[in-house]
C-alpha cells in the first residue's frame, strides 16, 4: 500500500520538477536519455532538448485547435461547466432555492443585491488566473504523466504510452500506462524489443527455420514430462543446451525472439485505461494519448464505445499497425483528432526537499526480485527458453514511484484551477492503486468564472471567493 498515510514516505521523489513535454520534433524525442539537473534540490525530468524553442510537428487534423475542440465537445473554459471536478466520482449538488434563477439580463442586479454591493462589471474586481491549463492540454498532460509510471526502458516515441479517458462533461473516468498485467513481476518477464531479442537469441539471416539458439542454461525434457504421449521412450528425450539443435517441432528464431520480447506480455496504456475505468462504462467518451494507438488497442477502444481518439503524434504512421487502426476507426465511426497543445511542456514543482538523491532512487528501483525470478525460472525456460537472470534489457530505473505519481496528478490538476491566489489539486486512490477521483479548487459547475468574485479581501464575506470556491 503506497498511499499518503505517512508523511515521511511522500518525498522519495518529491523535490523533482517534472517537465512533461507535450510535443517535440521526432529527432529530439527519439533520444533515449533524460536530463537530471541536480540543482537547488530540483530534478528536471524531460527529454534532452536545446534551450531554443522547438517547433511542433505539422498537424494533420482539421480539429487541432484547442478552442475549436472545446466548442465541439461542449466543454467551455470560459464558463467552465465542470469547475474543479474532473472525475466521474466528483459531483456537485445544487439544493433547491425559493428564489427563481436569475437570467443573464438581470444577473448583475441580482448578484449586486444578494451580495450586498458586488458589481460584476467593476474594473477593480480581481480577475481569474489566466495561465491555467486548457482542457486538451490538461488531459494530454495526464496521459504523459501517467507514462512516467511505465517501466518500459525504451524511448518515449515508440513506447511508454499513457492514456486518459474523459466523459462528455470533462470528467476523467480512466487512466492507464504501458506495463505488464497485475501480479506479473517486472523482473521475470522480458523488456526487450524484437531486434534486441533476435540479437540475444543469436538469430542470423538465412538460418534454417528448424534451428534456434537457446539460453546457456540447460533443461531436460524426458518422456515422463510428456505424459500425454505415452508411446515416447526415454531415448527420444530432447536435451536443450546452448548448442544449436534441430527438431521437427522446433520454432524459428523469429518465433523464439517474439516470446522473448515484451510484446506478448505487455498490456498497453489504452487497454489499461479502459480496464481501470471508475464508471459503469466509457461509452461516448474520448481518449487522450501521446501516440496514436496500434490496431490491437483500436479494437478495445471501439468495443468499449469510445467515440474519439485525441493524439499528439503518430511516430509509426506508415506501419501496418497504424494503417489497420485508421481503417478500423474510420469504419467504426471513431473520430481521430490530432491535437496541437497550446503549451510545449508542463512543469510540476512539488516544492519540498527530497528524502533521497536521484542516484539513490535509481539504485533502489533497479533492484530485482531474485526470489520471484527463481520461482518462475523453470516455467520461463520450459515455455520460452529464456532465463530472467540473463536479461540484458531490464526495466527502467527512473520511473515514478506510486506516491510521486499520485502526488504529481494532484499537482497537475491544480494547474487547471483559475483561482489567482491559490491552486489546489487532489487525487483519490483505491487499494489497487487505481485513481478513482481527481479534483481542483474552483467554482461549482455552471457558475461562470467571470461573474463570481475571486478576491480574498472585500467589504463583506459575500464579496470574497471563500463563499463560492
Protein backbone atom coordinates (compact mmCIF):
# COMPACT_ATOMS: atom_id res chain seq x y z
CA UNK A 1 0.00 0.00 0.00
CA UNK A 2 1.66 3.18 -1.19
CA UNK A 3 -0.72 5.89 -0.09
CA UNK A 4 -0.16 9.19 1.65
CA UNK A 5 -0.72 7.99 5.19
CA UNK A 6 2.85 8.57 6.28
CA UNK A 7 4.25 11.97 5.50
CA UNK A 8 7.79 10.70 5.70
CA UNK A 9 7.11 8.48 2.69
CA UNK A 10 5.72 11.20 0.50
CA UNK A 11 9.05 12.63 -0.53
CA UNK A 12 11.04 9.82 -2.11
CA UNK A 13 10.91 11.85 -5.31
CA UNK A 14 9.04 14.94 -4.19
CA UNK A 15 11.59 17.58 -4.99
CA UNK A 16 11.58 16.82 -8.67
CA UNK A 17 10.46 19.34 -11.18
CA UNK A 18 8.67 17.15 -13.70
CA UNK A 19 8.68 18.67 -17.15
CA UNK A 20 6.10 16.95 -19.31
CA UNK A 21 6.93 17.66 -22.94
CA UNK A 22 3.61 17.78 -24.78
CA UNK A 23 5.21 17.93 -28.19
CA UNK A 24 8.65 17.92 -29.73
CA UNK A 25 10.26 17.11 -33.04
CA UNK A 26 10.83 13.42 -33.72
CA UNK A 27 14.59 13.79 -33.89
CA UNK A 28 14.66 15.13 -30.36
CA UNK A 29 12.12 12.88 -28.69
CA UNK A 30 13.83 9.80 -30.07
CA UNK A 31 16.78 10.41 -27.76
CA UNK A 32 16.69 7.66 -25.12
CA UNK A 33 18.39 9.62 -22.35
CA UNK A 34 16.91 12.06 -19.88
CA UNK A 35 18.34 15.12 -18.20
CA UNK A 36 18.68 15.06 -14.44
CA UNK A 37 19.79 18.51 -13.32
CA UNK A 38 20.52 18.32 -9.61
CA UNK A 39 20.49 21.99 -8.70
CA UNK A 40 18.62 23.66 -5.83
CA UNK A 41 17.05 20.32 -4.93
CA UNK A 42 15.23 20.18 -8.26
CA UNK A 43 15.44 17.32 -10.71
CA UNK A 44 14.42 18.16 -14.25
CA UNK A 45 12.97 15.12 -15.95
CA UNK A 46 12.47 15.76 -19.63
CA UNK A 47 13.85 14.55 -22.94
CA UNK A 48 17.12 16.34 -23.64
CA UNK A 49 16.31 19.32 -25.82
CA UNK A 50 18.07 22.57 -26.75
CA UNK A 51 17.16 25.73 -24.92
CA UNK A 52 15.70 27.37 -28.00
CA UNK A 53 12.02 26.93 -28.80
CA UNK A 54 11.03 23.74 -30.56
CA UNK A 55 8.67 23.97 -33.48
CA UNK A 56 5.83 21.44 -33.21
CA UNK A 57 5.32 18.93 -35.93
CA UNK A 58 2.76 19.67 -38.57
CA UNK A 59 -0.76 18.84 -37.50
CA UNK A 60 -2.75 16.61 -39.84
CA UNK A 61 -6.19 17.20 -38.36
CA UNK A 62 -8.83 19.79 -39.07
CA UNK A 63 -9.69 19.72 -35.37
CA UNK A 64 -6.36 20.60 -33.76
CA UNK A 65 -7.41 23.93 -32.32
CA UNK A 66 -7.94 23.85 -28.58
CA UNK A 67 -10.70 26.44 -28.80
CA UNK A 68 -12.48 24.67 -31.63
CA UNK A 69 -12.09 21.32 -29.88
CA UNK A 70 -13.66 22.51 -26.63
CA UNK A 71 -16.55 24.05 -28.52
CA UNK A 72 -17.22 20.77 -30.29
CA UNK A 73 -17.17 18.78 -27.06
CA UNK A 74 -19.43 21.15 -25.21
CA UNK A 75 -16.75 21.83 -22.60
CA UNK A 76 -16.08 25.51 -22.23
CA UNK A 77 -13.10 27.05 -20.49
CA UNK A 78 -14.78 30.43 -20.21
CA UNK A 79 -17.86 29.24 -18.39
CA UNK A 80 -16.17 26.09 -17.03
CA UNK A 81 -19.22 23.85 -16.83
CA UNK A 82 -17.22 21.38 -14.73
CA UNK A 83 -15.21 23.66 -12.48
CA UNK A 84 -12.97 21.89 -10.03
CA UNK A 85 -14.26 18.45 -10.92
CA UNK A 86 -12.51 16.23 -13.44
CA UNK A 87 -13.55 12.78 -12.35
CA UNK A 88 -16.59 10.58 -12.52
CA UNK A 89 -16.91 10.25 -8.75
CA UNK A 90 -16.99 14.01 -8.22
CA UNK A 91 -20.40 15.67 -8.30
CA UNK A 92 -21.95 18.97 -7.39
CA UNK A 93 -25.32 19.15 -5.70
CA UNK A 94 -27.47 22.23 -6.09
CA UNK A 95 -30.20 22.46 -3.39
CA UNK A 96 -33.50 23.96 -4.48
CA UNK A 97 -33.90 27.68 -3.94
CA UNK A 98 -37.04 29.60 -3.16
CA UNK A 99 -35.79 32.39 -5.40
CA UNK A 100 -36.11 31.90 -9.17
CA UNK A 101 -32.83 31.60 -11.05
CA UNK A 102 -31.78 34.97 -12.47
CA UNK A 103 -31.49 35.35 -16.21
CA UNK A 104 -28.45 36.72 -18.00
CA UNK A 105 -30.19 40.05 -18.33
CA UNK A 106 -30.58 40.65 -14.64
CA UNK A 107 -27.63 38.64 -13.23
CA UNK A 108 -25.70 41.84 -12.47
CA UNK A 109 -28.55 43.33 -10.45
CA UNK A 110 -29.26 40.01 -8.77
CA UNK A 111 -25.69 39.49 -7.55
CA UNK A 112 -25.36 43.15 -6.58
CA UNK A 113 -28.44 42.85 -4.39
CA UNK A 114 -27.74 39.44 -2.82
CA UNK A 115 -24.02 40.09 -2.19
CA UNK A 116 -24.65 43.49 -0.63
CA UNK A 117 -22.97 45.53 -3.31
CA UNK A 118 -20.68 43.35 -5.52
CA UNK A 119 -20.61 44.71 -9.07
CA UNK A 120 -19.55 42.05 -11.56
CA UNK A 121 -18.55 44.74 -14.09
CA UNK A 122 -16.35 46.78 -11.77
CA UNK A 123 -12.84 47.33 -13.26
CA UNK A 124 -11.32 46.83 -9.80
CA UNK A 125 -12.52 43.23 -9.49
CA UNK A 126 -9.85 40.53 -9.10
CA UNK A 127 -9.69 38.59 -12.35
CA UNK A 128 -9.39 34.84 -12.69
CA UNK A 129 -5.98 33.30 -13.29
CA UNK A 130 -5.09 33.39 -16.98
CA UNK A 131 -2.29 30.78 -17.04
CA UNK A 132 -4.49 27.77 -16.29
CA UNK A 133 -4.25 24.66 -18.45
CA UNK A 134 -6.81 24.24 -21.21
CA UNK A 135 -8.89 21.07 -21.19
CA UNK A 136 -6.91 19.50 -24.04
CA UNK A 137 -3.55 20.34 -22.51
CA UNK A 138 -4.68 19.06 -19.12
CA UNK A 139 -5.99 15.70 -20.38
CA UNK A 140 -2.95 15.18 -22.59
CA UNK A 141 -0.62 16.09 -19.72
CA UNK A 142 -2.33 13.47 -17.51
CA UNK A 143 -1.60 10.89 -20.21
CA UNK A 144 2.05 11.99 -20.48
CA UNK A 145 2.47 11.99 -16.69
CA UNK A 146 0.96 8.51 -16.44
CA UNK A 147 3.50 7.29 -18.99
CA UNK A 148 6.20 8.21 -16.46
CA UNK A 149 4.97 5.30 -14.31
CA UNK A 150 5.79 2.81 -17.05
CA UNK A 151 8.93 0.74 -16.55
CA UNK A 152 9.47 0.22 -20.26
CA UNK A 153 13.13 1.18 -20.84
CA UNK A 154 12.67 2.20 -24.48
CA UNK A 155 12.39 5.76 -25.85
CA UNK A 156 9.10 7.55 -25.43
CA UNK A 157 8.15 7.84 -29.08
CA UNK A 158 7.99 4.07 -29.51
CA UNK A 159 7.00 3.05 -26.00
CA UNK A 160 5.86 4.27 -22.61
CA UNK A 161 2.49 5.49 -23.75
CA UNK A 162 -0.11 6.84 -21.34
CA UNK A 163 -3.87 7.17 -21.78
CA UNK A 164 -6.62 9.32 -20.27
CA UNK A 165 -10.34 8.70 -20.90
CA UNK A 166 -12.73 11.63 -20.49
CA UNK A 167 -16.54 11.60 -20.48
CA UNK A 168 -18.85 14.07 -22.21
CA UNK A 169 -18.68 16.69 -19.45
CA UNK A 170 -14.91 16.63 -18.97
CA UNK A 171 -14.59 14.15 -16.12
CA UNK A 172 -11.63 11.75 -16.15
CA UNK A 173 -13.03 8.22 -15.93
CA UNK A 174 -9.99 6.10 -16.78
CA UNK A 175 -6.19 6.34 -16.72
CA UNK A 176 -3.53 3.84 -17.80
CA UNK A 177 0.06 3.33 -18.88
CA UNK A 178 2.12 0.57 -20.53
CA UNK A 179 3.01 -2.28 -18.20
CA UNK A 180 2.74 -5.97 -17.51
CA UNK A 181 -0.57 -7.36 -16.16
CA UNK A 182 -1.33 -7.08 -12.47
CA UNK A 183 0.63 -9.62 -10.43
CA UNK A 184 3.24 -10.23 -13.15
CA UNK A 185 6.70 -9.29 -11.95
CA UNK A 186 8.60 -6.62 -13.89
CA UNK A 187 11.76 -8.67 -13.30
CA UNK A 188 10.53 -12.04 -14.57
CA UNK A 189 9.22 -11.00 -17.99
CA UNK A 190 11.37 -9.56 -20.78
CA UNK A 191 11.53 -5.86 -21.70
CA UNK A 192 13.48 -6.39 -24.93
CA UNK A 193 12.15 -5.27 -28.30
CA UNK A 194 12.11 -7.62 -31.29
CA UNK A 195 15.51 -6.58 -32.71
CA UNK A 196 17.11 -6.83 -29.27
CA UNK A 197 15.65 -10.27 -28.72
CA UNK A 198 16.79 -11.51 -32.12
CA UNK A 199 20.31 -10.38 -31.32
CA UNK A 200 20.24 -12.11 -27.95
CA UNK A 201 18.80 -15.29 -29.46
CA UNK A 202 21.63 -15.39 -31.99
CA UNK A 203 19.31 -15.35 -34.98
CA UNK A 204 21.05 -14.81 -38.29
CA UNK A 205 19.76 -14.15 -41.77
CA UNK A 206 19.21 -17.32 -43.77
CA UNK A 207 19.08 -19.60 -40.75
CA UNK A 208 17.16 -22.81 -41.12
CA UNK A 209 13.54 -22.48 -39.89
CA UNK A 210 14.09 -25.56 -37.70
CA UNK A 211 17.15 -24.24 -35.93
CA UNK A 212 17.48 -21.95 -32.96
CA UNK A 213 19.99 -20.91 -30.33
CA UNK A 214 18.68 -21.12 -26.80
CA UNK A 215 19.73 -20.00 -23.36
CA UNK A 216 23.08 -21.04 -21.92
CA UNK A 217 21.16 -22.83 -19.19
CA UNK A 218 20.12 -26.40 -19.94
CA UNK A 219 16.86 -28.19 -19.36
CA UNK A 220 15.96 -31.84 -19.90
CA UNK A 221 12.68 -32.86 -21.47
CA UNK A 222 12.07 -36.55 -20.87
CA UNK A 223 9.31 -38.84 -22.00
CA UNK A 224 7.91 -38.67 -18.48
CA UNK A 225 7.47 -34.90 -18.84
CA UNK A 226 5.26 -35.51 -21.84
CA UNK A 227 2.74 -37.82 -20.19
CA UNK A 228 0.23 -37.11 -22.94
CA UNK A 229 2.38 -39.13 -25.31
CA UNK A 230 2.99 -42.41 -23.52
CA UNK A 231 4.36 -44.10 -26.60
CA UNK A 232 7.51 -41.97 -26.45
CA UNK A 233 10.52 -43.63 -24.94
CA UNK A 234 13.27 -42.04 -22.91
CA UNK A 235 15.56 -42.48 -25.90
CA UNK A 236 13.53 -39.83 -27.71
CA UNK A 237 14.00 -37.24 -24.98
CA UNK A 238 15.16 -33.88 -26.26
CA UNK A 239 18.04 -32.22 -24.47
CA UNK A 240 18.14 -28.45 -24.86
CA UNK A 241 21.61 -26.95 -24.46
CA UNK A 242 23.44 -23.86 -25.58
CA UNK A 243 24.23 -25.64 -28.83
CA UNK A 244 22.14 -25.28 -31.97
CA UNK A 245 19.69 -28.18 -32.17
CA UNK A 246 17.39 -29.44 -34.84
CA UNK A 247 13.96 -30.82 -34.03
CA UNK A 248 10.90 -31.46 -36.11
CA UNK A 249 8.67 -29.30 -33.92
CA UNK A 250 11.31 -26.67 -33.14
CA UNK A 251 10.43 -22.99 -33.51
CA UNK A 252 12.15 -20.48 -35.70
CA UNK A 253 14.48 -17.76 -34.36
CA UNK A 254 11.78 -15.21 -35.12
CA UNK A 255 9.18 -17.15 -33.12
CA UNK A 256 11.58 -17.63 -30.23
CA UNK A 257 12.57 -13.97 -30.35
CA UNK A 258 8.91 -12.92 -30.14
CA UNK A 259 8.43 -14.93 -26.96
CA UNK A 260 11.49 -13.24 -25.52
CA UNK A 261 10.21 -9.71 -26.18
CA UNK A 262 7.81 -7.55 -24.21
CA UNK A 263 5.13 -7.75 -26.91
CA UNK A 264 3.33 -10.98 -25.87
CA UNK A 265 3.09 -9.83 -22.26
CA UNK A 266 2.71 -6.03 -22.26
CA UNK A 267 -0.69 -4.50 -21.54
CA UNK A 268 -0.91 -1.22 -23.42
CA UNK A 269 -1.90 2.09 -21.83
CA UNK A 270 -5.11 2.33 -23.85
CA UNK A 271 -6.29 -1.08 -22.68
CA UNK A 272 -5.30 -0.41 -19.07
CA UNK A 273 -7.22 2.87 -19.09
CA UNK A 274 -10.36 1.06 -20.26
CA UNK A 275 -9.94 -1.72 -17.69
CA UNK A 276 -9.20 0.80 -14.92
CA UNK A 277 -12.38 2.78 -15.57
CA UNK A 278 -14.18 4.04 -12.48
CA UNK A 279 -17.52 4.50 -14.22
CA UNK A 280 -20.06 1.94 -15.36
CA UNK A 281 -18.73 2.25 -18.89
CA UNK A 282 -16.84 4.66 -21.15
CA UNK A 283 -19.44 4.80 -23.92
CA UNK A 284 -19.32 8.16 -25.68
CA UNK A 285 -16.02 9.08 -24.07
CA UNK A 286 -12.83 10.49 -25.57
CA UNK A 287 -9.36 9.02 -25.15
CA UNK A 288 -6.24 11.21 -24.98
CA UNK A 289 -2.92 9.54 -25.83
CA UNK A 290 0.54 10.90 -26.69
CA UNK A 291 0.99 8.41 -29.55
CA UNK A 292 -1.59 7.03 -31.97
CA UNK A 293 -2.93 3.61 -30.85
CA UNK A 294 -1.97 0.42 -32.66
CA UNK A 295 -4.57 -1.91 -34.15
CA UNK A 296 -4.81 -4.15 -31.07
CA UNK A 297 -5.66 -1.16 -28.88
CA UNK A 298 -8.03 0.15 -31.56
CA UNK A 299 -10.16 -2.99 -31.19
CA UNK A 300 -10.57 -2.40 -27.45
CA UNK A 301 -11.27 1.29 -27.97
CA UNK A 302 -14.04 0.55 -30.46
CA UNK A 303 -15.56 -2.24 -28.38
CA UNK A 304 -15.63 -0.04 -25.26
CA UNK A 305 -17.76 2.57 -27.01
CA UNK A 306 -15.21 5.41 -27.07
CA UNK A 307 -16.12 7.79 -29.88
CA UNK A 308 -12.97 9.85 -30.29
CA UNK A 309 -9.21 9.39 -30.01
CA UNK A 310 -7.17 12.58 -29.48
CA UNK A 311 -3.44 12.11 -30.00
CA UNK A 312 -0.36 14.32 -30.19
CA UNK A 313 1.69 12.37 -32.73
CA UNK A 314 1.90 9.22 -34.83
CA UNK A 315 5.50 8.07 -34.96
CA UNK A 316 4.65 4.96 -36.96
CA UNK A 317 2.05 6.40 -39.30
CA UNK A 318 3.17 4.23 -42.22
CA UNK A 319 3.24 0.97 -40.25
CA UNK A 320 0.66 -1.75 -40.80
CA UNK A 321 -0.48 -1.36 -37.18
CA UNK A 322 -1.30 2.33 -37.66
CA UNK A 323 -2.92 1.75 -41.03
CA UNK A 324 -5.09 -1.02 -39.59
CA UNK A 325 -6.08 1.28 -36.71
CA UNK A 326 -7.14 4.03 -39.09
CA UNK A 327 -9.17 1.55 -41.13
CA UNK A 328 -10.91 0.23 -38.01
CA UNK A 329 -11.62 3.70 -36.61
CA UNK A 330 -12.94 5.01 -39.92
CA UNK A 331 -15.23 2.03 -40.46
CA UNK A 332 -16.49 2.14 -36.85
CA UNK A 333 -17.04 5.90 -36.94
CA UNK A 334 -14.48 6.76 -34.24
CA UNK A 335 -13.16 10.29 -34.71
CA UNK A 336 -9.37 10.62 -34.96
CA UNK A 337 -8.18 14.05 -33.80
CA UNK A 338 -4.57 15.11 -33.88
CA UNK A 339 -4.28 17.97 -31.40
CA UNK A 340 -1.71 20.69 -31.10
CA UNK A 341 -1.01 21.54 -27.43
CA UNK A 342 -1.11 25.26 -26.68
CA UNK A 343 1.97 24.91 -24.46
CA UNK A 344 5.16 22.95 -25.24
CA UNK A 345 5.53 21.47 -21.76
CA UNK A 346 4.01 21.41 -18.28
CA UNK A 347 6.17 21.83 -15.20
CA UNK A 348 5.28 20.21 -11.89
CA UNK A 349 7.22 21.51 -8.89
CA UNK A 350 6.50 19.72 -5.62
CA UNK A 351 8.37 22.45 -3.77
CA UNK A 352 9.80 20.31 -0.95
CA UNK A 353 13.15 18.76 -0.20
CA UNK A 354 13.89 15.22 -1.32
CA UNK A 355 14.46 12.34 1.07
CA UNK A 356 16.94 10.71 -1.32
CA UNK A 357 19.10 11.66 -4.27
CA UNK A 358 18.34 10.63 -7.83
CA UNK A 359 21.17 8.12 -7.82
CA UNK A 360 19.89 6.53 -4.62
CA UNK A 361 16.41 6.32 -6.10
CA UNK A 362 17.61 4.78 -9.35
CA UNK A 363 19.69 2.26 -7.44
CA UNK A 364 16.66 1.30 -5.34
CA UNK A 365 14.36 0.97 -8.35
CA UNK A 366 16.94 -1.10 -10.24
CA UNK A 367 16.92 -3.80 -7.53
CA UNK A 368 15.42 -7.01 -8.88
CA UNK A 369 13.28 -9.54 -7.06
CA UNK A 370 15.52 -12.57 -7.45
CA UNK A 371 13.29 -14.80 -5.33
CA UNK A 372 10.43 -14.26 -7.77
CA UNK A 373 12.76 -14.79 -10.71
CA UNK A 374 13.94 -18.09 -9.24
CA UNK A 375 10.34 -19.17 -8.63
CA UNK A 376 9.39 -18.82 -12.29
CA UNK A 377 12.73 -19.83 -13.80
CA UNK A 378 11.61 -23.35 -14.75
CA UNK A 379 8.41 -22.10 -16.35
CA UNK A 380 10.20 -19.48 -18.43
CA UNK A 381 12.86 -21.93 -19.60
CA UNK A 382 10.30 -24.57 -20.49
CA UNK A 383 7.86 -22.34 -22.36
CA UNK A 384 10.14 -19.69 -23.89
CA UNK A 385 13.72 -20.94 -23.43
CA UNK A 386 14.63 -17.79 -21.53
CA UNK A 387 16.27 -17.07 -18.21
CA UNK A 388 15.35 -13.81 -16.41
CA UNK A 389 18.81 -13.76 -14.80
CA UNK A 390 20.30 -13.37 -18.30
CA UNK A 391 18.10 -10.47 -19.44
CA UNK A 392 20.27 -7.73 -20.91
CA UNK A 393 17.36 -5.30 -21.25
CA UNK A 394 15.81 -4.61 -17.86
CA UNK A 395 13.11 -2.28 -16.54
CA UNK A 396 13.96 1.41 -16.38
CA UNK A 397 15.11 2.66 -13.00
CA UNK A 398 13.86 6.25 -13.20
CA UNK A 399 10.12 5.53 -13.26
CA UNK A 400 7.87 7.49 -10.93
CA UNK A 401 7.03 5.82 -7.63
CA UNK A 402 3.36 5.37 -6.74
CA UNK A 403 3.43 8.22 -4.23
CA UNK A 404 5.14 10.62 -6.61
CA UNK A 405 2.82 9.68 -9.44
CA UNK A 406 -0.32 10.28 -7.40
CA UNK A 407 1.06 13.50 -5.96
CA UNK A 408 2.06 14.53 -9.47
CA UNK A 409 -1.52 14.03 -10.68
CA UNK A 410 -2.75 16.23 -7.81
CA UNK A 411 -0.23 18.97 -8.61
CA UNK A 412 -1.02 18.73 -12.30
CA UNK A 413 -4.76 19.03 -11.62
CA UNK A 414 -4.10 22.17 -9.60
CA UNK A 415 -2.89 23.81 -12.80
CA UNK A 416 -6.47 23.67 -14.11
CA UNK A 417 -7.60 25.96 -11.29
CA UNK A 418 -8.45 29.57 -12.19
CA UNK A 419 -8.00 30.84 -8.65
CA UNK A 420 -5.48 33.68 -9.00
CA UNK A 421 -4.16 33.22 -5.46
CA UNK A 422 -4.15 29.52 -4.55
CA UNK A 423 -4.27 26.44 -6.76
CA UNK A 424 -5.00 23.13 -5.05
CA UNK A 425 -5.44 19.68 -6.60
CA UNK A 426 -6.50 16.34 -5.12
CA UNK A 427 -6.19 12.70 -6.16
CA UNK A 428 -8.06 9.76 -4.58
CA UNK A 429 -6.62 6.25 -4.96
CA UNK A 430 -8.08 2.84 -4.13
CA UNK A 431 -6.34 -0.22 -2.68
CA UNK A 432 -5.35 -1.41 -6.18
CA UNK A 433 -3.54 1.84 -6.94
CA UNK A 434 -6.28 2.91 -9.33
CA UNK A 435 -7.14 6.62 -9.36
CA UNK A 436 -10.84 6.96 -8.59
CA UNK A 437 -11.13 10.70 -8.03
CA UNK A 438 -9.43 13.89 -9.21
CA UNK A 439 -10.33 17.49 -8.47
CA UNK A 440 -9.09 21.06 -8.11
CA UNK A 441 -10.40 24.19 -6.43
CA UNK A 442 -12.88 26.26 -8.41
CA UNK A 443 -16.48 27.43 -8.58
CA UNK A 444 -19.30 24.86 -8.83
CA UNK A 445 -20.33 23.51 -12.20
CA UNK A 446 -22.27 26.03 -14.24
CA UNK A 447 -21.07 29.04 -12.23
CA UNK A 448 -19.22 31.45 -14.51
CA UNK A 449 -15.64 32.36 -13.64
CA UNK A 450 -16.36 35.83 -15.00
CA UNK A 451 -19.23 36.54 -12.58
CA UNK A 452 -18.36 35.33 -9.08
CA UNK A 453 -15.66 37.11 -7.03
CA UNK A 454 -12.05 35.89 -6.81
CA UNK A 455 -10.92 38.40 -4.16
CA UNK A 456 -9.57 37.29 -0.78
CA UNK A 457 -10.46 40.57 0.91
CA UNK A 458 -13.59 42.67 0.46
CA UNK A 459 -16.03 44.81 2.50
CA UNK A 460 -18.13 41.72 3.32
CA UNK A 461 -17.81 37.93 3.12
CA UNK A 462 -20.28 37.65 0.24
CA UNK A 463 -17.89 39.64 -1.93
CA UNK A 464 -14.97 37.27 -1.27
CA UNK A 465 -14.20 34.00 -3.05
CA UNK A 466 -14.46 31.78 0.04
CA UNK A 467 -18.24 31.56 -0.04
CA UNK A 468 -18.21 30.17 -3.56
CA UNK A 469 -14.96 28.26 -4.23
